[in-house]
Amino acid sequence: PGLLTTRSRQFVLVGSGLSYHLTPTIQAYGNYSQSFRPVSFSDLVPSATTDQVDPDLKDARAQNVDIGIKGQWGQYLRFDISYFLLKYQNRIGQLSQKNALNQSYLFRTNVGESTSQGLEAYIEWDPVAAILGHQSSWGHPSFFISTSLLQATYGDFPLANGQNLRGKQVEYAPQEIIRTGISYRLASFSMTYQISHTSSVFSDAQNSSTPLASGLIGPIPAYQVHDVAFSYRWNTHLYMKSSINNLLNASYFTRRGTGAYPGFGILPAELRNISFTFGYTW
């Protein structure tokens, strides 16, 4: 029989935010918040029979700060640019270990402190509105880019095997996420074409660069995905939407299975898929 464990918690979380209008359409803002991440039941249960969990897992805490500026310039430029800093204590992570039979497994435990900081930006520009200064009967294309530049690394945390997590990249934390594309709208018709890029990540805190034969541990390569979406409304009641995801049928994966459903190894993302939606509102 398993052991019954009871945990009681009492804590206070603090948060605040400020904003200031530099102009009627542009504002600067700043936020500070604390967060608490308790150990959950799923953390204490191994996702695979080969995995192990530290019975002394501790709750995690974090502090987050972000400052930025957002708004629009005329009717042709919209933007939101910010810097963020996240300090994470007692982070719960996965370490690659070997058992007495020299077989690799994942050990879930607290892996010390991590620091995540970076820039997030969204910019959308309408060249027709910028040139003409008014609505166009030919419609309005707009170019957009949304990007996240992230540096997420572990602090000083020595391991039993002599390694240290200092400077290691936090698992599943891509250094670059970039989404860019073009939108077009004319009367009741709209279309968006988007290209998404996500840089490579690691699946364990030690940043193992050589994948295991089981696929349980190893890097996840960078990937790019193209998507396109359409919509059209005939009247106030009838409309249609359609999308083509992974237009170029790219083969990639975003995570590695740890043994629970659907199993070990890489979990491939969906190939090209098309959807249609017809709707009626009243």
Protein backbone atom coordinates (compact mmCIF):
# COMPACT_ATOMS: atom_id res chain seq x y z
CA PRO A 1 0.00 0.00 0.00
CA GLY A 2 1.11 3.54 -0.69
CA LEU A 3 1.88 6.13 1.95
CA LEU A 4 -0.71 8.81 2.69
CA THR A 5 0.87 12.25 2.48
CA THR A 6 -0.83 15.43 3.62
CA ARG A 7 0.50 18.88 2.76
CA SER A 8 -0.94 22.13 4.06
CA ARG A 9 0.02 25.53 2.66
CA GLN A 10 -0.52 29.14 3.62
CA PHE A 11 0.94 31.92 1.52
CA VAL A 12 0.35 35.46 0.27
CA LEU A 13 0.96 36.46 -3.35
CA VAL A 14 1.59 40.08 -4.34
CA GLY A 15 1.06 41.70 -7.71
CA SER A 16 0.78 45.20 -9.13
CA GLY A 17 0.60 46.96 -12.46
CA LEU A 18 0.98 50.50 -13.76
CA SER A 19 0.33 52.14 -17.10
CA TYR A 20 0.84 55.64 -18.42
CA HIS A 21 -0.53 57.16 -21.63
CA LEU A 22 2.31 58.84 -23.50
CA THR A 23 -0.22 59.90 -26.15
CA PRO A 24 -3.95 59.16 -26.54
CA THR A 25 -3.07 55.98 -28.50
CA ILE A 26 0.30 54.93 -27.00
CA GLN A 27 0.91 53.77 -23.46
CA ALA A 28 3.83 52.50 -21.40
CA TYR A 29 3.17 49.79 -18.83
CA GLY A 30 4.87 47.73 -16.17
CA ASN A 31 3.81 44.76 -14.04
CA TYR A 32 5.12 42.77 -11.10
CA SER A 33 3.63 39.53 -9.81
CA GLN A 34 4.45 36.58 -7.60
CA SER A 35 3.28 33.07 -8.35
CA PHE A 36 3.12 29.75 -6.53
CA ARG A 37 3.30 26.36 -8.19
CA PRO A 38 2.35 23.57 -5.75
CA VAL A 39 3.43 19.98 -6.15
CA SER A 40 0.48 18.23 -7.79
CA PHE A 41 -0.62 14.61 -7.83
CA SER A 42 0.64 14.21 -11.40
CA ASP A 43 4.11 15.36 -10.28
CA LEU A 44 4.29 12.57 -7.72
CA VAL A 45 3.17 9.82 -10.10
CA PRO A 46 5.78 8.56 -12.61
CA SER A 47 4.61 8.86 -16.19
CA ALA A 48 6.36 5.55 -17.01
CA THR A 49 7.33 2.46 -15.02
CA THR A 50 11.00 3.25 -15.64
CA ASP A 51 10.78 6.81 -14.28
CA GLN A 52 11.40 7.81 -10.69
CA VAL A 53 10.09 10.73 -8.63
CA ASP A 54 11.78 12.44 -5.72
CA PRO A 55 9.46 11.85 -2.72
CA ASP A 56 10.70 15.13 -1.20
CA LEU A 57 9.50 17.34 -4.06
CA LYS A 58 9.04 20.93 -2.92
CA ASP A 59 6.60 23.56 -4.11
CA ALA A 60 7.96 26.12 -6.57
CA ARG A 61 7.71 29.90 -6.43
CA ALA A 62 8.37 32.60 -8.97
CA GLN A 63 8.55 36.37 -9.43
CA ASN A 64 7.82 38.01 -12.75
CA VAL A 65 8.50 41.55 -14.00
CA ASP A 66 7.64 43.00 -17.40
CA ILE A 67 7.80 46.50 -18.87
CA GLY A 68 6.76 47.63 -22.31
CA ILE A 69 5.09 50.04 -24.65
CA LYS A 70 2.07 49.41 -26.86
CA GLY A 71 -0.46 51.22 -29.00
CA GLN A 72 -0.94 52.37 -32.56
CA TRP A 73 0.38 55.07 -34.85
CA GLY A 74 -2.36 56.46 -37.04
CA GLN A 75 -4.49 53.77 -38.69
CA TYR A 76 -1.61 51.85 -40.21
CA LEU A 77 0.79 50.73 -37.44
CA ARG A 78 0.03 48.68 -34.32
CA PHE A 79 2.69 47.44 -31.91
CA ASP A 80 3.38 45.92 -28.50
CA ILE A 81 7.02 45.59 -27.37
CA SER A 82 8.03 44.39 -23.91
CA TYR A 83 10.89 43.03 -21.81
CA PHE A 84 10.25 40.35 -19.19
CA LEU A 85 12.21 38.72 -16.36
CA LEU A 86 11.11 35.56 -14.55
CA LYS A 87 12.89 34.15 -11.50
CA TYR A 88 11.85 30.58 -10.66
CA GLN A 89 12.83 28.89 -7.36
CA ASN A 90 12.66 25.14 -6.65
CA ARG A 91 11.85 24.47 -10.27
CA ILE A 92 10.59 20.94 -10.93
CA GLY A 93 12.57 19.36 -13.76
CA GLN A 94 13.73 16.05 -15.18
CA LEU A 95 17.25 14.69 -14.87
CA SER A 96 18.68 11.87 -16.96
CA GLN A 97 19.94 9.08 -14.67
CA LYS A 98 21.18 5.49 -14.99
CA ASN A 99 20.08 2.57 -12.83
CA ALA A 100 22.12 -0.41 -11.60
CA LEU A 101 21.71 -2.09 -15.00
CA ASN A 102 23.12 1.01 -16.76
CA GLN A 103 19.69 1.75 -18.21
CA SER A 104 18.67 5.39 -18.61
CA TYR A 105 15.60 6.80 -16.94
CA LEU A 106 14.16 10.20 -16.00
CA PHE A 107 14.25 11.41 -12.40
CA ARG A 108 11.78 14.18 -11.52
CA THR A 109 13.04 16.45 -8.76
CA ASN A 110 13.65 20.07 -7.81
CA VAL A 111 16.50 21.41 -9.91
CA GLY A 112 17.20 24.71 -8.21
CA GLU A 113 16.63 28.16 -9.62
CA SER A 114 16.16 29.24 -13.21
CA THR A 115 16.15 32.68 -14.79
CA SER A 116 14.14 33.47 -17.92
CA GLN A 117 14.39 36.82 -19.62
CA GLY A 118 13.79 38.15 -23.06
CA LEU A 119 11.91 40.36 -25.45
CA GLU A 120 8.45 39.96 -26.92
CA ALA A 121 7.24 42.09 -29.79
CA TYR A 122 4.25 42.34 -32.10
CA ILE A 123 4.17 44.76 -35.04
CA GLU A 124 1.50 45.05 -37.75
CA TRP A 125 1.76 47.48 -40.66
CA ASP A 126 -0.86 48.38 -43.26
CA PRO A 127 0.98 49.89 -46.29
CA VAL A 128 -2.21 50.94 -48.10
CA ALA A 129 -3.48 52.95 -45.11
CA ALA A 130 0.02 54.41 -44.65
CA ILE A 131 0.19 55.61 -48.27
CA LEU A 132 -3.42 56.60 -48.95
CA GLY A 133 -4.39 57.58 -45.45
CA HIS A 134 -7.91 56.19 -45.92
CA GLN A 135 -9.87 53.06 -46.78
CA SER A 136 -9.22 51.49 -50.17
CA SER A 137 -11.76 49.85 -52.48
CA TRP A 138 -9.03 47.34 -53.39
CA GLY A 139 -8.80 46.07 -49.85
CA HIS A 140 -6.09 46.23 -47.22
CA PRO A 141 -3.07 43.95 -46.94
CA SER A 142 -1.13 44.11 -43.68
CA PHE A 143 2.22 42.62 -42.77
CA PHE A 144 2.78 41.35 -39.24
CA ILE A 145 5.52 39.80 -37.14
CA SER A 146 5.32 38.38 -33.64
CA THR A 147 8.55 37.32 -32.00
CA SER A 148 9.81 36.05 -28.66
CA LEU A 149 13.53 36.05 -27.91
CA LEU A 150 14.15 34.04 -24.74
CA GLN A 151 17.14 33.17 -22.60
CA ALA A 152 16.09 30.60 -19.98
CA THR A 153 18.95 29.05 -18.02
CA TYR A 154 19.54 27.23 -14.75
CA GLY A 155 21.55 28.63 -11.86
CA ASP A 156 24.16 26.85 -9.77
CA PHE A 157 22.95 23.30 -9.07
CA PRO A 158 25.60 20.55 -8.64
CA LEU A 159 24.62 16.97 -9.48
CA ALA A 160 25.78 13.74 -7.87
CA ASN A 161 27.70 12.74 -11.02
CA GLY A 162 29.89 15.84 -10.87
CA GLN A 163 27.96 17.86 -13.45
CA ASN A 164 26.43 21.26 -12.74
CA LEU A 165 23.29 22.72 -14.29
CA ARG A 166 24.69 26.25 -14.22
CA GLY A 167 24.11 27.83 -17.61
CA LYS A 168 22.13 24.88 -18.99
CA GLN A 169 19.08 25.74 -21.08
CA VAL A 170 15.73 25.09 -19.44
CA GLU A 171 14.02 22.16 -21.14
CA TYR A 172 11.29 22.92 -23.68
CA ALA A 173 12.19 26.63 -23.67
CA PRO A 174 12.98 27.73 -27.27
CA GLN A 175 15.31 30.70 -27.63
CA GLU A 176 13.36 31.96 -30.65
CA ILE A 177 9.71 31.85 -31.62
CA ILE A 178 8.93 33.91 -34.70
CA ARG A 179 5.58 34.17 -36.47
CA THR A 180 5.29 36.38 -39.51
CA GLY A 181 2.98 36.70 -42.46
CA ILE A 182 0.45 38.75 -44.33
CA SER A 183 -3.27 39.37 -43.89
CA TYR A 184 -5.68 40.69 -46.49
CA ARG A 185 -9.23 41.93 -46.02
CA LEU A 186 -11.75 43.21 -48.53
CA ALA A 187 -15.35 43.80 -47.47
CA SER A 188 -16.57 40.44 -46.06
CA PHE A 189 -13.52 38.44 -47.18
CA SER A 190 -10.32 37.98 -45.19
CA MET A 191 -7.23 35.82 -45.60
CA THR A 192 -4.09 35.23 -43.49
CA TYR A 193 -0.87 33.47 -44.47
CA GLN A 194 1.51 32.76 -41.59
CA ILE A 195 5.00 31.26 -41.26
CA SER A 196 6.03 30.02 -37.81
CA HIS A 197 9.58 29.25 -36.73
CA THR A 198 10.53 27.61 -33.42
CA SER A 199 14.17 27.04 -32.52
CA SER A 200 15.55 23.79 -31.10
CA VAL A 201 15.10 22.81 -27.44
CA PHE A 202 16.25 20.11 -25.04
CA SER A 203 14.00 17.62 -23.28
CA ASP A 204 16.09 17.26 -20.11
CA ALA A 205 17.80 19.64 -17.72
CA GLN A 206 21.30 18.34 -18.58
CA ASN A 207 20.79 19.30 -22.25
CA SER A 208 21.67 15.83 -23.57
CA SER A 209 22.65 16.27 -27.22
CA THR A 210 22.71 12.56 -28.14
CA PRO A 211 19.26 10.96 -28.33
CA LEU A 212 18.66 7.64 -26.59
CA ALA A 213 17.58 4.68 -28.70
CA SER A 214 14.19 4.84 -26.96
CA GLY A 215 13.78 8.48 -27.97
CA LEU A 216 13.06 9.35 -24.35
CA ILE A 217 15.87 11.90 -24.05
CA GLY A 218 17.49 14.13 -26.66
CA PRO A 219 17.17 17.44 -28.47
CA ILE A 220 14.11 18.56 -30.41
CA PRO A 221 15.22 20.19 -33.69
CA ALA A 222 14.00 23.56 -34.92
CA TYR A 223 11.03 23.51 -37.26
CA GLN A 224 9.00 25.80 -39.54
CA VAL A 225 5.30 25.56 -40.30
CA HIS A 226 3.20 27.39 -42.90
CA ASP A 227 -0.54 27.97 -42.32
CA VAL A 228 -3.24 29.73 -44.28
CA ALA A 229 -6.79 30.68 -43.26
CA PHE A 230 -9.80 32.18 -45.11
CA SER A 231 -13.15 33.54 -44.02
CA TYR A 232 -16.16 34.96 -45.85
CA ARG A 233 -19.49 36.27 -44.63
CA TRP A 234 -22.39 36.40 -47.10
CA ASN A 235 -24.69 38.34 -44.79
CA THR A 236 -25.32 38.91 -41.09
CA HIS A 237 -26.34 35.26 -40.68
CA LEU A 238 -24.31 33.03 -43.02
CA TYR A 239 -20.52 32.67 -42.98
CA MET A 240 -17.74 30.27 -43.95
CA LYS A 241 -14.26 29.66 -42.53
CA SER A 242 -11.48 27.44 -43.86
CA SER A 243 -7.88 26.73 -42.87
CA ILE A 244 -4.96 24.69 -44.14
CA ASN A 245 -2.52 23.86 -41.36
CA ASN A 246 1.02 22.74 -42.16
CA LEU A 247 0.55 23.76 -45.78
CA LEU A 248 3.95 22.43 -46.93
CA ASN A 249 3.45 19.12 -45.11
CA ALA A 250 6.54 19.56 -42.90
CA SER A 251 7.62 16.58 -40.80
CA TYR A 252 8.54 17.62 -37.26
CA PHE A 253 7.89 16.93 -33.58
CA THR A 254 7.46 19.17 -30.54
CA ARG A 255 7.98 16.82 -27.57
CA ARG A 256 9.19 13.41 -26.50
CA GLY A 257 6.96 10.82 -24.87
CA THR A 258 8.11 9.60 -21.45
CA GLY A 259 6.26 6.28 -21.47
CA ALA A 260 2.70 7.28 -20.64
CA TYR A 261 0.13 7.41 -23.44
CA PRO A 262 0.89 7.47 -26.32
CA GLY A 263 4.27 5.92 -25.43
CA PHE A 264 8.03 6.44 -25.62
CA GLY A 265 9.93 8.44 -28.18
CA ILE A 266 9.22 11.39 -30.40
CA LEU A 267 5.58 12.38 -30.85
CA PRO A 268 5.17 13.62 -34.44
CA ALA A 269 3.04 16.68 -35.11
CA GLU A 270 0.14 16.54 -37.52
CA LEU A 271 0.84 16.59 -41.25
CA ARG A 272 -1.12 18.79 -43.65
CA ASN A 273 -4.78 19.05 -42.65
CA ILE A 274 -7.69 21.06 -44.05
CA SER A 275 -10.83 22.17 -42.29
CA PHE A 276 -14.06 23.89 -43.39
CA THR A 277 -16.70 25.51 -41.20
CA PHE A 278 -20.09 26.77 -42.34
CA GLY A 279 -22.11 28.68 -39.79
CA TYR A 280 -25.44 30.38 -39.37
CA THR A 281 -26.15 32.90 -36.60
CA TRP A 282 -29.43 34.48 -35.58
